[in-house]
Amino acid sequence: MERSSRADSVSAYAIGVGAGLVALQITWLIVNRLTSLVWGPPAGPTVAFLTAIVVGIIVSIVAGRRLARSVNNPQRVTNGTRT
């Protein structure tokens, strides 16, 4: 594995982590609002944050793998179609 492809893979996983953090924040906001309507203060935010953590981890893993695969297997794109 050459240095540039390794660097591209590392940056792909870093972008995946960033996407996971964004997903965590959005999930936290939405689920916290919904669980606050159903449960009281101690349980609602706890459930919301645990849900957000799980969603953030899943998005990080999926996005990182997907981007790393696309970096390691480049396909030439011409006129919007892959060849």
PDB file of N, CA and C in Angstrom:
ATOM      1  N   MET A   1       0.856  -1.174   0.000  1.00  0.00           N
ATOM      2  CA  MET A   1       0.000   0.000   0.000  1.00  0.00           C
ATOM      3  C   MET A   1       0.899   1.234   0.000  1.00  0.00           C
ATOM      4  N   GLU A   2       0.712   2.087  -0.940  1.00  0.00           N
ATOM      5  CA  GLU A   2       1.542   3.278  -0.983  1.00  0.00           C
ATOM      6  C   GLU A   2       1.019   4.334  -0.015  1.00  0.00           C
ATOM      7  N   ARG A   3       1.868   5.319   0.239  1.00  0.00           N
ATOM      8  CA  ARG A   3       1.549   6.334   1.247  1.00  0.00           C
ATOM      9  C   ARG A   3       0.304   7.138   0.902  1.00  0.00           C
ATOM     10  N   SER A   4       0.138   7.505  -0.351  1.00  0.00           N
ATOM     11  CA  SER A   4      -1.001   8.357  -0.702  1.00  0.00           C
ATOM     12  C   SER A   4      -2.323   7.606  -0.548  1.00  0.00           C
ATOM     13  N   SER A   5      -2.345   6.309  -0.870  1.00  0.00           N
ATOM     14  CA  SER A   5      -3.594   5.563  -0.703  1.00  0.00           C
ATOM     15  C   SER A   5      -3.908   5.351   0.776  1.00  0.00           C
ATOM     16  N   ARG A   6      -2.870   5.178   1.589  1.00  0.00           N
ATOM     17  CA  ARG A   6      -3.092   5.046   3.037  1.00  0.00           C
ATOM     18  C   ARG A   6      -3.628   6.357   3.610  1.00  0.00           C
ATOM     19  N   ALA A   7      -3.066   7.465   3.168  1.00  0.00           N
ATOM     20  CA  ALA A   7      -3.540   8.766   3.628  1.00  0.00           C
ATOM     21  C   ALA A   7      -4.983   9.005   3.192  1.00  0.00           C
ATOM     22  N   ASP A   8      -5.324   8.580   1.988  1.00  0.00           N
ATOM     23  CA  ASP A   8      -6.699   8.717   1.515  1.00  0.00           C
ATOM     24  C   ASP A   8      -7.654   7.866   2.345  1.00  0.00           C
ATOM     25  N   SER A   9      -7.216   6.664   2.713  1.00  0.00           N
ATOM     26  CA  SER A   9      -8.057   5.804   3.548  1.00  0.00           C
ATOM     27  C   SER A   9      -8.269   6.407   4.933  1.00  0.00           C
ATOM     28  N   VAL A  10      -7.207   6.950   5.513  1.00  0.00           N
ATOM     29  CA  VAL A  10      -7.323   7.572   6.840  1.00  0.00           C
ATOM     30  C   VAL A  10      -8.251   8.776   6.775  1.00  0.00           C
ATOM     31  N   SER A  11      -8.121   9.572   5.720  1.00  0.00           N
ATOM     32  CA  SER A  11      -9.003  10.738   5.607  1.00  0.00           C
ATOM     33  C   SER A  11     -10.448  10.308   5.364  1.00  0.00           C
ATOM     34  N   ALA A  12     -10.656   9.198   4.666  1.00  0.00           N
ATOM     35  CA  ALA A  12     -12.020   8.703   4.457  1.00  0.00           C
ATOM     36  C   ALA A  12     -12.658   8.299   5.785  1.00  0.00           C
ATOM     37  N   TYR A  13     -11.889   7.625   6.641  1.00  0.00           N
ATOM     38  CA  TYR A  13     -12.424   7.253   7.948  1.00  0.00           C
ATOM     39  C   TYR A  13     -12.641   8.485   8.832  1.00  0.00           C
ATOM     40  N   ALA A  14     -11.790   9.492   8.706  1.00  0.00           N
ATOM     41  CA  ALA A  14     -11.977  10.723   9.478  1.00  0.00           C
ATOM     42  C   ALA A  14     -13.256  11.439   9.050  1.00  0.00           C
ATOM     43  N   ILE A  15     -13.526  11.444   7.765  1.00  0.00           N
ATOM     44  CA  ILE A  15     -14.774  12.034   7.280  1.00  0.00           C
ATOM     45  C   ILE A  15     -15.964  11.224   7.787  1.00  0.00           C
ATOM     46  N   GLY A  16     -15.814   9.907   7.834  1.00  0.00           N
ATOM     47  CA  GLY A  16     -16.872   9.060   8.385  1.00  0.00           C
ATOM     48  C   GLY A  16     -17.161   9.376   9.842  1.00  0.00           C
ATOM     49  N   VAL A  17     -16.120   9.641  10.617  1.00  0.00           N
ATOM     50  CA  VAL A  17     -16.300  10.018  12.026  1.00  0.00           C
ATOM     51  C   VAL A  17     -17.029  11.353  12.122  1.00  0.00           C
ATOM     52  N   GLY A  18     -16.676  12.290  11.258  1.00  0.00           N
ATOM     53  CA  GLY A  18     -17.370  13.582  11.239  1.00  0.00           C
ATOM     54  C   GLY A  18     -18.840  13.428  10.915  1.00  0.00           C
ATOM     55  N   ALA A  19     -19.144  12.567   9.948  1.00  0.00           N
ATOM     56  CA  ALA A  19     -20.547  12.308   9.602  1.00  0.00           C
ATOM     57  C   ALA A  19     -21.277  11.665  10.776  1.00  0.00           C
ATOM     58  N   GLY A  20     -20.592  10.803  11.501  1.00  0.00           N
ATOM     59  CA  GLY A  20     -21.194  10.182  12.680  1.00  0.00           C
ATOM     60  C   GLY A  20     -21.486  11.188  13.775  1.00  0.00           C
ATOM     61  N   LEU A  21     -20.599  12.165  13.954  1.00  0.00           N
ATOM     62  CA  LEU A  21     -20.843  13.204  14.955  1.00  0.00           C
ATOM     63  C   LEU A  21     -22.029  14.086  14.570  1.00  0.00           C
ATOM     64  N   VAL A  22     -22.152  14.386  13.302  1.00  0.00           N
ATOM     65  CA  VAL A  22     -23.314  15.162  12.840  1.00  0.00           C
ATOM     66  C   VAL A  22     -24.593  14.366  13.073  1.00  0.00           C
ATOM     67  N   ALA A  23     -24.560  13.073  12.763  1.00  0.00           N
ATOM     68  CA  ALA A  23     -25.730  12.221  12.993  1.00  0.00           C
ATOM     69  C   ALA A  23     -26.065  12.149  14.478  1.00  0.00           C
ATOM     70  N   LEU A  24     -25.038  12.085  15.332  1.00  0.00           N
ATOM     71  CA  LEU A  24     -25.260  12.065  16.775  1.00  0.00           C
ATOM     72  C   LEU A  24     -25.982  13.335  17.226  1.00  0.00           C
ATOM     73  N   GLN A  25     -25.538  14.482  16.755  1.00  0.00           N
ATOM     74  CA  GLN A  25     -26.144  15.751  17.169  1.00  0.00           C
ATOM     75  C   GLN A  25     -27.593  15.862  16.709  1.00  0.00           C
ATOM     76  N   ILE A  26     -27.846  15.512  15.465  1.00  0.00           N
ATOM     77  CA  ILE A  26     -29.211  15.617  14.937  1.00  0.00           C
ATOM     78  C   ILE A  26     -30.133  14.628  15.636  1.00  0.00           C
ATOM     79  N   THR A  27     -29.630  13.393  15.841  1.00  0.00           N
ATOM     80  CA  THR A  27     -30.441  12.390  16.544  1.00  0.00           C
ATOM     81  C   THR A  27     -30.731  12.831  17.969  1.00  0.00           C
ATOM     82  N   TRP A  28     -29.735  13.385  18.641  1.00  0.00           N
ATOM     83  CA  TRP A  28     -29.919  13.867  20.011  1.00  0.00           C
ATOM     84  C   TRP A  28     -31.021  14.918  20.072  1.00  0.00           C
ATOM     85  N   LEU A  29     -30.990  15.880  19.159  1.00  0.00           N
ATOM     86  CA  LEU A  29     -31.989  16.948  19.172  1.00  0.00           C
ATOM     87  C   LEU A  29     -33.403  16.416  18.958  1.00  0.00           C
ATOM     88  N   ILE A  30     -33.568  15.557  17.972  1.00  0.00           N
ATOM     89  CA  ILE A  30     -34.907  15.061  17.636  1.00  0.00           C
ATOM     90  C   ILE A  30     -35.422  14.091  18.694  1.00  0.00           C
ATOM     91  N   VAL A  31     -34.597  13.107  19.058  1.00  0.00           N
ATOM     92  CA  VAL A  31     -35.057  12.087  20.009  1.00  0.00           C
ATOM     93  C   VAL A  31     -35.238  12.678  21.397  1.00  0.00           C
ATOM     94  N   ASN A  32     -34.417  13.639  21.795  1.00  0.00           N
ATOM     95  CA  ASN A  32     -34.593  14.269  23.097  1.00  0.00           C
ATOM     96  C   ASN A  32     -35.927  14.997  23.167  1.00  0.00           C
ATOM     97  N   ARG A  33     -36.287  15.679  22.096  1.00  0.00           N
ATOM     98  CA  ARG A  33     -37.579  16.380  22.073  1.00  0.00           C
ATOM     99  C   ARG A  33     -38.732  15.384  22.203  1.00  0.00           C
ATOM    100  N   LEU A  34     -38.637  14.266  21.487  1.00  0.00           N
ATOM    101  CA  LEU A  34     -39.717  13.273  21.519  1.00  0.00           C
ATOM    102  C   LEU A  34     -39.784  12.533  22.849  1.00  0.00           C
ATOM    103  N   THR A  35     -38.630  12.131  23.387  1.00  0.00           N
ATOM    104  CA  THR A  35     -38.659  11.393  24.653  1.00  0.00           C
ATOM    105  C   THR A  35     -39.012  12.294  25.838  1.00  0.00           C
ATOM    106  N   SER A  36     -38.755  13.581  25.732  1.00  0.00           N
ATOM    107  CA  SER A  36     -39.160  14.492  26.804  1.00  0.00           C
ATOM    108  C   SER A  36     -40.673  14.590  26.912  1.00  0.00           C
ATOM    109  N   LEU A  37     -41.355  14.369  25.809  1.00  0.00           N
ATOM    110  CA  LEU A  37     -42.817  14.366  25.836  1.00  0.00           C
ATOM    111  C   LEU A  37     -43.364  13.102  26.471  1.00  0.00           C
ATOM    112  N   VAL A  38     -42.633  11.996  26.367  1.00  0.00           N
ATOM    113  CA  VAL A  38     -43.125  10.707  26.858  1.00  0.00           C
ATOM    114  C   VAL A  38     -42.678  10.457  28.298  1.00  0.00           C
ATOM    115  N   TRP A  39     -41.372  10.610  28.552  1.00  0.00           N
ATOM    116  CA  TRP A  39     -40.834  10.328  29.875  1.00  0.00           C
ATOM    117  C   TRP A  39     -40.383  11.604  30.563  1.00  0.00           C
ATOM    118  N   GLY A  40     -40.155  11.496  31.852  1.00  0.00           N
ATOM    119  CA  GLY A  40     -39.700  12.641  32.638  1.00  0.00           C
ATOM    120  C   GLY A  40     -38.217  12.935  32.412  1.00  0.00           C
ATOM    121  N   PRO A  41     -37.721  13.958  33.118  1.00  0.00           N
ATOM    122  CA  PRO A  41     -36.341  14.411  32.925  1.00  0.00           C
ATOM    123  C   PRO A  41     -35.233  13.369  33.093  1.00  0.00           C
ATOM    124  N   PRO A  42     -35.249  12.487  34.078  1.00  0.00           N
ATOM    125  CA  PRO A  42     -34.083  11.603  34.138  1.00  0.00           C
ATOM    126  C   PRO A  42     -34.045  10.559  33.016  1.00  0.00           C
ATOM    127  N   ALA A  43     -35.191  10.013  32.656  1.00  0.00           N
ATOM    128  CA  ALA A  43     -35.211   8.918  31.684  1.00  0.00           C
ATOM    129  C   ALA A  43     -35.170   9.412  30.242  1.00  0.00           C
ATOM    130  N   GLY A  44     -35.891  10.478  29.929  1.00  0.00           N
ATOM    131  CA  GLY A  44     -35.982  10.967  28.557  1.00  0.00           C
ATOM    132  C   GLY A  44     -34.637  11.327  27.928  1.00  0.00           C
ATOM    133  N   PRO A  45     -33.872  12.223  28.555  1.00  0.00           N
ATOM    134  CA  PRO A  45     -32.567  12.574  27.980  1.00  0.00           C
ATOM    135  C   PRO A  45     -31.575  11.411  27.946  1.00  0.00           C
ATOM    136  N   THR A  46     -31.672  10.513  28.924  1.00  0.00           N
ATOM    137  CA  THR A  46     -30.772   9.354  28.940  1.00  0.00           C
ATOM    138  C   THR A  46     -31.038   8.442  27.758  1.00  0.00           C
ATOM    139  N   VAL A  47     -32.298   8.141  27.518  1.00  0.00           N
ATOM    140  CA  VAL A  47     -32.676   7.307  26.377  1.00  0.00           C
ATOM    141  C   VAL A  47     -32.288   8.003  25.076  1.00  0.00           C
ATOM    142  N   ALA A  48     -32.521   9.302  24.997  1.00  0.00           N
ATOM    143  CA  ALA A  48     -32.198  10.050  23.787  1.00  0.00           C
ATOM    144  C   ALA A  48     -30.696  10.023  23.509  1.00  0.00           C
ATOM    145  N   PHE A  49     -29.881  10.205  24.547  1.00  0.00           N
ATOM    146  CA  PHE A  49     -28.438  10.245  24.329  1.00  0.00           C
ATOM    147  C   PHE A  49     -27.886   8.871  23.982  1.00  0.00           C
ATOM    148  N   LEU A  50     -28.393   7.830  24.621  1.00  0.00           N
ATOM    149  CA  LEU A  50     -27.947   6.478  24.275  1.00  0.00           C
ATOM    150  C   LEU A  50     -28.327   6.132  22.834  1.00  0.00           C
ATOM    151  N   THR A  51     -29.519   6.532  22.421  1.00  0.00           N
ATOM    152  CA  THR A  51     -29.938   6.321  21.035  1.00  0.00           C
ATOM    153  C   THR A  51     -29.037   7.094  20.081  1.00  0.00           C
ATOM    154  N   ALA A  52     -28.714   8.323  20.429  1.00  0.00           N
ATOM    155  CA  ALA A  52     -27.849   9.147  19.580  1.00  0.00           C
ATOM    156  C   ALA A  52     -26.445   8.555  19.467  1.00  0.00           C
ATOM    157  N   ILE A  53     -25.929   8.003  20.555  1.00  0.00           N
ATOM    158  CA  ILE A  53     -24.602   7.383  20.523  1.00  0.00           C
ATOM    159  C   ILE A  53     -24.595   6.188  19.576  1.00  0.00           C
ATOM    160  N   VAL A  54     -25.610   5.341  19.684  1.00  0.00           N
ATOM    161  CA  VAL A  54     -25.688   4.162  18.815  1.00  0.00           C
ATOM    162  C   VAL A  54     -25.792   4.571  17.349  1.00  0.00           C
ATOM    163  N   VAL A  55     -26.649   5.537  17.053  1.00  0.00           N
ATOM    164  CA  VAL A  55     -26.803   6.005  15.675  1.00  0.00           C
ATOM    165  C   VAL A  55     -25.499   6.624  15.168  1.00  0.00           C
ATOM    166  N   GLY A  56     -24.835   7.416  15.988  1.00  0.00           N
ATOM    167  CA  GLY A  56     -23.573   8.033  15.589  1.00  0.00           C
ATOM    168  C   GLY A  56     -22.489   7.016  15.281  1.00  0.00           C
ATOM    169  N   ILE A  57     -22.393   5.970  16.093  1.00  0.00           N
ATOM    170  CA  ILE A  57     -21.398   4.921  15.856  1.00  0.00           C
ATOM    171  C   ILE A  57     -21.696   4.181  14.557  1.00  0.00           C
ATOM    172  N   ILE A  58     -22.951   3.847  14.341  1.00  0.00           N
ATOM    173  CA  ILE A  58     -23.324   3.129  13.118  1.00  0.00           C
ATOM    174  C   ILE A  58     -23.034   3.977  11.885  1.00  0.00           C
ATOM    175  N   VAL A  59     -23.395   5.246  11.921  1.00  0.00           N
ATOM    176  CA  VAL A  59     -23.139   6.128  10.772  1.00  0.00           C
ATOM    177  C   VAL A  59     -21.642   6.284  10.537  1.00  0.00           C
ATOM    178  N   SER A  60     -20.854   6.402  11.598  1.00  0.00           N
ATOM    179  CA  SER A  60     -19.398   6.517  11.454  1.00  0.00           C
ATOM    180  C   SER A  60     -18.802   5.301  10.767  1.00  0.00           C
ATOM    181  N   ILE A  61     -19.211   4.123  11.196  1.00  0.00           N
ATOM    182  CA  ILE A  61     -18.671   2.891  10.621  1.00  0.00           C
ATOM    183  C   ILE A  61     -19.088   2.741   9.168  1.00  0.00           C
ATOM    184  N   VAL A  62     -20.361   2.931   8.885  1.00  0.00           N
ATOM    185  CA  VAL A  62     -20.856   2.747   7.512  1.00  0.00           C
ATOM    186  C   VAL A  62     -20.247   3.780   6.566  1.00  0.00           C
ATOM    187  N   ALA A  63     -20.236   5.043   6.975  1.00  0.00           N
ATOM    188  CA  ALA A  63     -19.693   6.092   6.106  1.00  0.00           C
ATOM    189  C   ALA A  63     -18.190   5.917   5.903  1.00  0.00           C
ATOM    190  N   GLY A  64     -17.466   5.573   6.949  1.00  0.00           N
ATOM    191  CA  GLY A  64     -16.030   5.370   6.831  1.00  0.00           C
ATOM    192  C   GLY A  64     -15.682   4.222   5.906  1.00  0.00           C
ATOM    193  N   ARG A  65     -16.367   3.099   6.060  1.00  0.00           N
ATOM    194  CA  ARG A  65     -16.119   1.952   5.182  1.00  0.00           C
ATOM    195  C   ARG A  65     -16.468   2.269   3.739  1.00  0.00           C
ATOM    196  N   ARG A  66     -17.598   2.908   3.545  1.00  0.00           N
ATOM    197  CA  ARG A  66     -18.041   3.229   2.184  1.00  0.00           C
ATOM    198  C   ARG A  66     -17.053   4.173   1.495  1.00  0.00           C
ATOM    199  N   LEU A  67     -16.617   5.198   2.202  1.00  0.00           N
ATOM    200  CA  LEU A  67     -15.661   6.138   1.622  1.00  0.00           C
ATOM    201  C   LEU A  67     -14.297   5.494   1.395  1.00  0.00           C
ATOM    202  N   ALA A  68     -13.849   4.663   2.330  1.00  0.00           N
ATOM    203  CA  ALA A  68     -12.554   4.000   2.173  1.00  0.00           C
ATOM    204  C   ALA A  68     -12.581   3.052   0.982  1.00  0.00           C
ATOM    205  N   ARG A  69     -13.689   2.360   0.794  1.00  0.00           N
ATOM    206  CA  ARG A  69     -13.810   1.477  -0.363  1.00  0.00           C
ATOM    207  C   ARG A  69     -13.773   2.255  -1.665  1.00  0.00           C
ATOM    208  N   SER A  70     -14.446   3.403  -1.685  1.00  0.00           N
ATOM    209  CA  SER A  70     -14.464   4.195  -2.915  1.00  0.00           C
ATOM    210  C   SER A  70     -13.092   4.812  -3.192  1.00  0.00           C
ATOM    211  N   VAL A  71     -12.315   5.092  -2.155  1.00  0.00           N
ATOM    212  CA  VAL A  71     -10.972   5.642  -2.342  1.00  0.00           C
ATOM    213  C   VAL A  71     -10.013   4.550  -2.811  1.00  0.00           C
ATOM    214  N   ASN A  72     -10.132   3.362  -2.252  1.00  0.00           N
ATOM    215  CA  ASN A  72      -9.220   2.272  -2.598  1.00  0.00           C
ATOM    216  C   ASN A  72      -9.542   1.630  -3.942  1.00  0.00           C
ATOM    217  N   ASN A  73     -10.771   1.792  -4.421  1.00  0.00           N
ATOM    218  CA  ASN A  73     -11.166   1.246  -5.716  1.00  0.00           C
ATOM    219  C   ASN A  73     -11.664   2.365  -6.612  1.00  0.00           C
ATOM    220  N   PRO A  74     -10.777   3.228  -7.059  1.00  0.00           N
ATOM    221  CA  PRO A  74     -11.241   4.359  -7.869  1.00  0.00           C
ATOM    222  C   PRO A  74     -11.730   3.893  -9.237  1.00  0.00           C
ATOM    223  N   GLN A  75     -12.802   4.499  -9.659  1.00  0.00           N
ATOM    224  CA  GLN A  75     -13.341   4.237 -10.986  1.00  0.00           C
ATOM    225  C   GLN A  75     -13.369   5.553 -11.728  1.00  0.00           C
ATOM    226  N   ARG A  76     -13.022   5.516 -12.975  1.00  0.00           N
ATOM    227  CA  ARG A  76     -12.999   6.737 -13.767  1.00  0.00           C
ATOM    228  C   ARG A  76     -14.419   7.151 -14.103  1.00  0.00           C
ATOM    229  N   VAL A  77     -14.718   8.413 -13.908  1.00  0.00           N
ATOM    230  CA  VAL A  77     -16.042   8.930 -14.205  1.00  0.00           C
ATOM    231  C   VAL A  77     -15.923   9.860 -15.401  1.00  0.00           C
ATOM    232  N   THR A  78     -16.715   9.545 -16.424  1.00  0.00           N
ATOM    233  CA  THR A  78     -16.747  10.415 -17.598  1.00  0.00           C
ATOM    234  C   THR A  78     -18.195  10.695 -17.953  1.00  0.00           C
ATOM    235  N   ASN A  79     -18.511  11.954 -18.097  1.00  0.00           N
ATOM    236  CA  ASN A  79     -19.854  12.399 -18.465  1.00  0.00           C
ATOM    237  C   ASN A  79     -20.927  11.853 -17.543  1.00  0.00           C
ATOM    238  N   GLY A  80     -20.600  11.755 -16.253  1.00  0.00           N
ATOM    239  CA  GLY A  80     -21.590  11.322 -15.280  1.00  0.00           C
ATOM    240  C   GLY A  80     -21.806   9.826 -15.204  1.00  0.00           C
ATOM    241  N   THR A  81     -21.093   9.044 -16.017  1.00  0.00           N
ATOM    242  CA  THR A  81     -21.240   7.579 -15.975  1.00  0.00           C
ATOM    243  C   THR A  81     -19.904   6.955 -15.592  1.00  0.00           C
ATOM    244  N   ARG A  82     -19.982   5.879 -14.863  1.00  0.00           N
ATOM    245  CA  ARG A  82     -18.754   5.183 -14.457  1.00  0.00           C
ATOM    246  C   ARG A  82     -18.345   4.207 -15.542  1.00  0.00           C
ATOM    247  N   THR A  83     -17.050   4.153 -15.776  1.00  0.00           N
ATOM    248  CA  THR A  83     -16.545   3.217 -16.779  1.00  0.00           C
ATOM    249  C   THR A  83     -15.597   2.225 -16.173  1.00  0.00           C
TER     250      THR A  83
END
